[in-house]
Amino acid sequence: MNKSSSKKKMPSISKKISFPDNELMRALCGEQNAHLNLIEKKIGVSVNLRGNVLLLKGGDWEVELAEEVFSQLYGLLESRYPLYINDVDHAIRILSGDGSVDLKKIFKDEVYITSQKKIITPKTINQKKYIDSIKKYDIVFGIGPAGTGKTYLAMAMAVAALIRKDCNRIILARPAVEAGERLGFLPGDLYEKVNPYLRPLYDALHDMMPFENASDLLEKGVIEVAPLAFMRGRTLNDSFVILDEAQNATPEQMKMFLTRLGFSSKAVITGDITQTDLPKGQISGLIEASQTLTGIEGIQFVSFSREDVIRHPLVQKIIDAYEKLDRRKKA
């Protein structure tokens, strides 16, 4: 007897669900039924469409999950939420982990609308927690792998705060390890070396608003993009400050940055403690901060995992592969 035939076959059930609105039903199914096909593939359930009726077939858990996904996505469409295939993927991830989650409370938490009319909202439970933490706390640490939206969401929150006049300026900073950043460097020398390293921050900023608007605000100093070293000796009042790639800050730089915060200001620190570029043997300021500041009132830490990756699907697979490699090296 071969291995596959010895496996016990799981019982299959069928369930019909229907939705009344033809137009919303088309949006639910997606172009050329792309949404239906994704749900079939990701959940492992058979979905047959007959008019406004969906016939689900599969295991108990799979059919129950598919029904919840379809029902909640339809509810989002009823609330005029524009549904894209990535939203379907995020919905499956969230509800497969916790079927009691209300997707509207996550997907409808509008952070900012870009110049291209793109609505920026959280897409995972941890992203929602992150957004809520930034609203509530003056200092928030977002720690996790690349592609989890840590910096992008923080920048969207900053731009929205500036437009609402909740702050007078935005300051975006990064340690410049590749340039051999030292606090004693002269501004001209440092800018020349680190400007390419700051480019991702400019790119994200220009995604938030028209190029001309961003350039004007940068020229006026309302928005500042600078190496972390430029924060020394300053007091940042009425500001929304973001420190990106904070795992590359030394403990001294991290302390310097955190003590720059002035009145009516907010700071968001993002980084991935598994990807430091500091010299071997140099402890990361982000790691030290997470060990030292956890539990202090007014400071919140939000952790992201590979489940929160919202870039190209291959990014999550790449992260998984490297995590496995790291575990093998440590074993």
Protein backbone atom coordinates (compact mmCIF):
# COMPACT_ATOMS: atom_id res chain seq x y z
CA MET A 1 0.00 0.00 0.00
CA ASN A 2 1.49 3.36 -0.98
CA LYS A 3 1.75 6.32 1.35
CA SER A 4 -1.01 8.40 -0.21
CA SER A 5 -3.61 5.64 -0.19
CA SER A 6 -2.97 4.94 3.48
CA LYS A 7 -3.94 8.49 4.45
CA LYS A 8 -7.41 8.91 5.88
CA LYS A 9 -9.56 10.96 3.53
CA MET A 10 -11.17 13.96 5.20
CA PRO A 11 -14.98 14.15 4.89
CA SER A 12 -16.25 16.77 2.44
CA ILE A 13 -19.24 19.06 2.98
CA SER A 14 -21.13 21.44 0.70
CA LYS A 15 -22.65 24.82 1.49
CA LYS A 16 -24.49 27.44 -0.57
CA ILE A 17 -24.19 31.16 0.09
CA SER A 18 -25.91 33.89 -1.92
CA PHE A 19 -25.53 37.65 -2.27
CA PRO A 20 -28.31 39.92 -3.59
CA ASP A 21 -26.49 42.69 -5.50
CA ASN A 22 -25.33 41.72 -9.00
CA GLU A 23 -22.77 44.51 -9.31
CA LEU A 24 -21.22 43.80 -5.91
CA MET A 25 -21.22 40.09 -6.73
CA ARG A 26 -19.11 40.77 -9.83
CA ALA A 27 -16.65 42.81 -7.74
CA LEU A 28 -16.57 40.02 -5.14
CA CYS A 29 -15.65 37.43 -7.77
CA GLY A 30 -13.06 39.70 -9.37
CA GLU A 31 -12.05 40.11 -12.99
CA GLN A 32 -12.26 36.71 -14.71
CA ASN A 33 -13.10 35.26 -11.26
CA ALA A 34 -9.58 36.05 -10.01
CA HIS A 35 -10.79 36.47 -6.41
CA LEU A 36 -12.66 33.16 -6.48
CA ASN A 37 -9.64 31.38 -7.90
CA LEU A 38 -7.35 32.82 -5.20
CA ILE A 39 -9.73 31.74 -2.42
CA GLU A 40 -9.92 28.23 -3.89
CA LYS A 41 -6.13 27.99 -4.07
CA LYS A 42 -5.28 29.55 -0.69
CA ILE A 43 -7.98 27.85 1.39
CA GLY A 44 -8.19 24.54 -0.48
CA VAL A 45 -11.91 24.66 -1.13
CA SER A 46 -13.95 24.19 -4.32
CA VAL A 47 -16.01 27.25 -5.35
CA ASN A 48 -18.67 27.04 -8.07
CA LEU A 49 -20.56 30.15 -9.18
CA ARG A 50 -24.20 29.92 -10.27
CA GLY A 51 -25.69 33.37 -10.77
CA ASN A 52 -25.57 35.03 -7.35
CA VAL A 53 -25.02 31.75 -5.53
CA LEU A 54 -21.67 30.30 -4.51
CA LEU A 55 -21.42 26.58 -3.86
CA LEU A 56 -18.58 25.79 -1.48
CA LYS A 57 -17.24 22.27 -1.15
CA GLY A 58 -14.42 20.95 1.03
CA GLY A 59 -13.54 20.13 4.61
CA ASP A 60 -15.53 21.63 7.52
CA TRP A 61 -12.88 24.17 8.46
CA GLU A 62 -12.15 25.15 4.85
CA VAL A 63 -15.82 25.70 3.96
CA GLU A 64 -16.41 27.69 7.16
CA LEU A 65 -13.36 29.88 6.47
CA ALA A 66 -14.33 30.46 2.82
CA GLU A 67 -17.86 31.45 3.86
CA GLU A 68 -16.48 33.95 6.38
CA VAL A 69 -14.05 35.40 3.83
CA PHE A 70 -16.75 35.84 1.17
CA SER A 71 -19.25 37.30 3.67
CA GLN A 72 -16.80 39.84 5.09
CA LEU A 73 -15.47 40.86 1.66
CA TYR A 74 -19.03 41.41 0.47
CA GLY A 75 -19.65 43.54 3.56
CA LEU A 76 -16.61 45.66 2.65
CA LEU A 77 -17.99 46.13 -0.86
CA GLU A 78 -21.34 47.20 0.59
CA SER A 79 -19.50 49.89 2.55
CA ARG A 80 -18.01 51.17 -0.74
CA TYR A 81 -14.56 49.75 -0.10
CA PRO A 82 -12.70 49.20 -3.42
CA LEU A 83 -11.71 45.53 -3.36
CA TYR A 84 -8.44 44.39 -4.94
CA ILE A 85 -6.91 40.94 -5.18
CA ASN A 86 -4.30 41.83 -2.53
CA ASP A 87 -7.15 42.60 -0.14
CA VAL A 88 -8.53 39.11 -0.73
CA ASP A 89 -5.13 37.63 0.07
CA HIS A 90 -4.85 39.71 3.28
CA ALA A 91 -8.40 38.75 4.29
CA ILE A 92 -7.59 35.03 3.96
CA ARG A 93 -4.43 35.43 6.03
CA ILE A 94 -6.21 37.33 8.80
CA LEU A 95 -9.34 35.17 9.03
CA SER A 96 -7.45 31.88 8.81
CA GLY A 97 -5.63 32.98 11.96
CA ASP A 98 -8.70 34.36 13.76
CA GLY A 99 -12.15 34.01 12.23
CA SER A 100 -13.67 36.45 14.74
CA VAL A 101 -11.77 39.47 13.36
CA ASP A 102 -13.92 42.20 11.80
CA LEU A 103 -12.14 43.15 8.57
CA LYS A 104 -13.94 46.51 8.40
CA LYS A 105 -12.17 47.64 11.56
CA ILE A 106 -8.84 47.01 9.81
CA PHE A 107 -9.39 47.76 6.13
CA LYS A 108 -11.64 50.79 6.71
CA ASP A 109 -9.23 52.55 9.08
CA GLU A 110 -8.23 55.16 6.51
CA VAL A 111 -4.79 56.59 7.21
CA TYR A 112 -4.22 58.78 4.17
CA ILE A 113 -5.26 59.24 0.53
CA THR A 114 -2.31 59.77 -1.81
CA SER A 115 -2.13 62.20 -4.73
CA GLN A 116 -2.97 59.25 -6.99
CA LYS A 117 -6.16 58.70 -4.94
CA LYS A 118 -4.71 55.54 -3.43
CA ILE A 119 -6.25 54.88 -0.02
CA ILE A 120 -3.66 53.81 2.54
CA THR A 121 -5.12 51.55 5.23
CA PRO A 122 -3.72 48.81 7.46
CA LYS A 123 -3.89 45.34 5.90
CA THR A 124 -3.05 43.10 8.86
CA ILE A 125 -3.89 42.90 12.55
CA ASN A 126 -0.40 44.06 13.51
CA GLN A 127 -0.57 46.98 11.08
CA LYS A 128 -3.85 48.03 12.68
CA LYS A 129 -2.24 47.78 16.14
CA TYR A 130 0.68 49.86 14.84
CA ILE A 131 -1.60 52.61 13.51
CA ASP A 132 -3.61 52.69 16.74
CA SER A 133 -0.37 52.86 18.77
CA ILE A 134 0.93 55.82 16.74
CA LYS A 135 -2.34 57.63 17.39
CA LYS A 136 -2.17 56.94 21.13
CA TYR A 137 1.52 57.04 22.13
CA ASP A 138 4.25 59.67 21.69
CA ILE A 139 7.00 57.11 21.01
CA VAL A 140 6.31 53.93 19.02
CA PHE A 141 8.76 51.26 17.93
CA GLY A 142 7.81 49.14 14.90
CA ILE A 143 10.09 46.11 14.74
CA GLY A 144 9.94 43.40 12.08
CA PRO A 145 11.09 42.22 8.63
CA ALA A 146 11.15 44.19 5.39
CA GLY A 147 7.87 44.60 3.53
CA THR A 148 5.62 44.81 6.58
CA GLY A 149 4.73 48.49 6.00
CA LYS A 150 6.52 49.88 9.08
CA THR A 151 8.05 52.93 7.41
CA TYR A 152 5.37 53.47 4.76
CA LEU A 153 2.51 53.57 7.27
CA ALA A 154 4.50 55.81 9.62
CA MET A 155 5.12 58.25 6.78
CA ALA A 156 1.45 58.19 5.80
CA MET A 157 0.54 58.99 9.41
CA ALA A 158 3.10 61.82 9.43
CA VAL A 159 1.83 63.41 6.21
CA ALA A 160 -1.78 63.13 7.43
CA ALA A 161 -0.78 64.80 10.73
CA LEU A 162 0.94 67.64 8.84
CA ILE A 163 -2.13 68.22 6.66
CA ARG A 164 -4.38 68.26 9.76
CA LYS A 165 -1.89 70.71 11.34
CA ASP A 166 -1.29 68.30 14.25
CA CYS A 167 2.42 69.00 13.72
CA ASN A 168 4.42 71.77 12.07
CA ARG A 169 7.05 69.63 10.39
CA ILE A 170 8.12 66.11 9.51
CA ILE A 171 11.64 64.85 10.06
CA LEU A 172 12.75 61.60 8.42
CA ALA A 173 16.09 60.20 9.56
CA ARG A 174 18.28 57.17 8.89
CA PRO A 175 21.63 56.01 10.23
CA ALA A 176 24.15 56.10 7.39
CA VAL A 177 26.27 53.05 8.08
CA GLU A 178 27.45 52.66 4.49
CA ALA A 179 28.88 56.18 4.59
CA GLY A 180 30.71 55.45 7.81
CA GLU A 181 28.52 57.91 9.71
CA ARG A 182 30.14 59.59 12.67
CA LEU A 183 28.61 62.38 14.71
CA GLY A 184 31.57 64.66 14.05
CA PHE A 185 31.29 64.77 10.26
CA LEU A 186 30.64 68.11 8.61
CA PRO A 187 27.21 68.51 6.96
CA GLY A 188 28.55 68.92 3.43
CA ASP A 189 30.72 65.84 3.63
CA LEU A 190 27.95 63.74 5.11
CA TYR A 191 25.20 64.82 2.72
CA GLU A 192 27.39 64.02 -0.26
CA LYS A 193 28.02 60.52 1.05
CA VAL A 194 24.59 59.58 2.42
CA ASN A 195 22.16 61.16 -0.06
CA PRO A 196 21.80 57.89 -2.05
CA TYR A 197 21.17 56.04 1.23
CA LEU A 198 18.28 58.41 2.05
CA ARG A 199 16.67 57.88 -1.37
CA PRO A 200 14.09 55.28 -0.15
CA LEU A 201 12.66 57.91 2.19
CA TYR A 202 12.33 60.40 -0.67
CA ASP A 203 10.68 57.72 -2.82
CA ALA A 204 8.06 56.95 -0.16
CA LEU A 205 7.44 60.66 0.38
CA HIS A 206 6.86 61.29 -3.32
CA ASP A 207 4.39 58.41 -3.32
CA MET A 208 2.35 60.30 -0.72
CA MET A 209 2.07 63.64 -2.49
CA PRO A 210 2.78 65.29 -5.87
CA PHE A 211 6.47 65.80 -6.58
CA GLU A 212 6.08 69.60 -6.71
CA ASN A 213 4.37 69.72 -3.31
CA ALA A 214 6.98 67.48 -1.70
CA SER A 215 9.83 69.49 -3.24
CA ASP A 216 8.34 72.76 -2.00
CA LEU A 217 7.93 71.43 1.56
CA LEU A 218 11.47 70.03 1.50
CA GLU A 219 12.84 73.37 0.29
CA LYS A 220 11.00 75.24 3.04
CA GLY A 221 12.22 72.80 5.68
CA VAL A 222 8.69 71.73 6.59
CA ILE A 223 9.80 68.21 5.65
CA GLU A 224 13.40 67.27 6.35
CA VAL A 225 15.18 64.10 5.25
CA ALA A 226 18.53 63.76 6.99
CA PRO A 227 21.13 61.38 8.37
CA LEU A 228 20.69 60.49 12.03
CA ALA A 229 23.88 62.41 12.87
CA PHE A 230 22.09 65.68 12.08
CA MET A 231 19.77 65.21 15.05
CA ARG A 232 22.53 65.89 17.59
CA GLY A 233 22.09 69.04 19.66
CA ARG A 234 18.55 69.72 18.43
CA THR A 235 15.22 69.86 20.28
CA LEU A 236 12.39 68.77 18.00
CA ASN A 237 9.17 70.53 19.05
CA ASP A 238 5.83 70.22 17.21
CA SER A 239 7.35 67.56 14.98
CA PHE A 240 6.54 64.10 13.67
CA VAL A 241 9.90 62.33 13.64
CA ILE A 242 10.60 58.98 11.99
CA LEU A 243 13.82 57.03 12.45
CA ASP A 244 14.07 54.35 9.77
CA GLU A 245 16.46 51.36 9.71
CA ALA A 246 17.03 51.94 13.42
CA GLN A 247 18.78 48.57 13.82
CA ASN A 248 21.82 50.33 12.34
CA ALA A 249 21.92 52.97 15.07
CA THR A 250 24.44 52.49 17.88
CA PRO A 251 23.18 52.67 21.48
CA GLU A 252 24.68 56.16 21.76
CA GLN A 253 22.90 57.33 18.61
CA MET A 254 19.60 55.83 19.74
CA LYS A 255 19.81 57.58 23.11
CA MET A 256 20.73 60.83 21.36
CA PHE A 257 17.75 60.51 19.00
CA LEU A 258 15.17 59.66 21.66
CA THR A 259 16.26 62.57 23.87
CA ARG A 260 15.75 65.05 21.00
CA LEU A 261 11.97 64.77 21.30
CA GLY A 262 10.40 68.07 22.34
CA PHE A 263 6.90 69.25 23.27
CA SER A 264 3.90 68.28 21.12
CA SER A 265 6.06 65.85 19.14
CA LYS A 266 5.76 62.21 18.16
CA ALA A 267 8.50 59.74 17.25
CA VAL A 268 8.22 56.46 15.35
CA ILE A 269 11.26 54.19 15.23
CA THR A 270 11.32 51.35 12.70
CA GLY A 271 13.78 48.55 12.07
CA ASP A 272 14.56 44.86 11.76
CA ILE A 273 16.76 43.56 14.57
CA THR A 274 17.77 40.54 12.45
CA GLN A 275 19.35 42.66 9.69
CA THR A 276 21.92 44.97 11.27
CA ASP A 277 24.75 46.39 9.16
CA LEU A 278 26.80 47.52 12.15
CA PRO A 279 30.39 46.31 12.51
CA LYS A 280 30.76 42.85 14.03
CA GLY A 281 30.59 42.99 17.81
CA GLN A 282 28.74 46.34 17.85
CA ILE A 283 25.40 46.09 19.66
CA SER A 284 22.37 47.60 17.92
CA GLY A 285 20.76 50.59 19.59
CA LEU A 286 17.37 49.21 18.57
CA ILE A 287 18.00 45.94 20.41
CA GLU A 288 19.21 47.80 23.50
CA ALA A 289 16.19 50.14 23.40
CA SER A 290 13.77 47.22 23.19
CA GLN A 291 15.43 45.66 26.23
CA THR A 292 15.65 48.91 28.19
CA LEU A 293 12.46 50.83 27.42
CA THR A 294 9.78 48.12 27.34
CA GLY A 295 7.18 48.84 30.00
CA ILE A 296 7.75 52.60 30.20
CA GLU A 297 4.44 54.46 30.08
CA GLY A 298 4.04 56.44 26.86
CA ILE A 299 6.30 54.13 24.83
CA GLN A 300 4.84 51.29 22.79
CA PHE A 301 6.53 48.42 20.94
CA VAL A 302 4.73 46.73 18.03
CA SER A 303 6.23 43.57 16.55
CA PHE A 304 5.69 42.44 12.96
CA SER A 305 6.28 38.98 11.51
CA ARG A 306 6.52 37.45 8.05
CA GLU A 307 2.72 37.12 8.17
CA ASP A 308 2.55 40.91 7.87
CA VAL A 309 4.62 41.12 4.66
CA ILE A 310 2.53 42.93 2.04
CA ARG A 311 4.99 43.20 -0.82
CA HIS A 312 5.23 40.83 -3.75
CA PRO A 313 4.38 37.25 -2.60
CA LEU A 314 7.94 36.20 -3.39
CA VAL A 315 9.25 38.59 -0.72
CA GLN A 316 7.60 36.50 2.00
CA LYS A 317 9.05 33.30 0.53
CA ILE A 318 12.51 34.89 0.44
CA ILE A 319 12.17 35.99 4.08
CA ASP A 320 11.11 32.45 5.05
CA ALA A 321 14.10 30.95 3.23
CA TYR A 322 16.59 33.23 4.98
CA GLU A 323 14.98 32.64 8.37
CA LYS A 324 15.44 28.88 7.83
CA LEU A 325 19.08 29.48 6.87
CA ASP A 326 19.66 31.55 10.03
CA ARG A 327 18.13 28.79 12.17
CA ARG A 328 20.40 26.19 10.55
CA LYS A 329 23.46 28.36 11.19
CA LYS A 330 22.53 28.75 14.86
CA ALA A 331 21.75 25.04 15.34
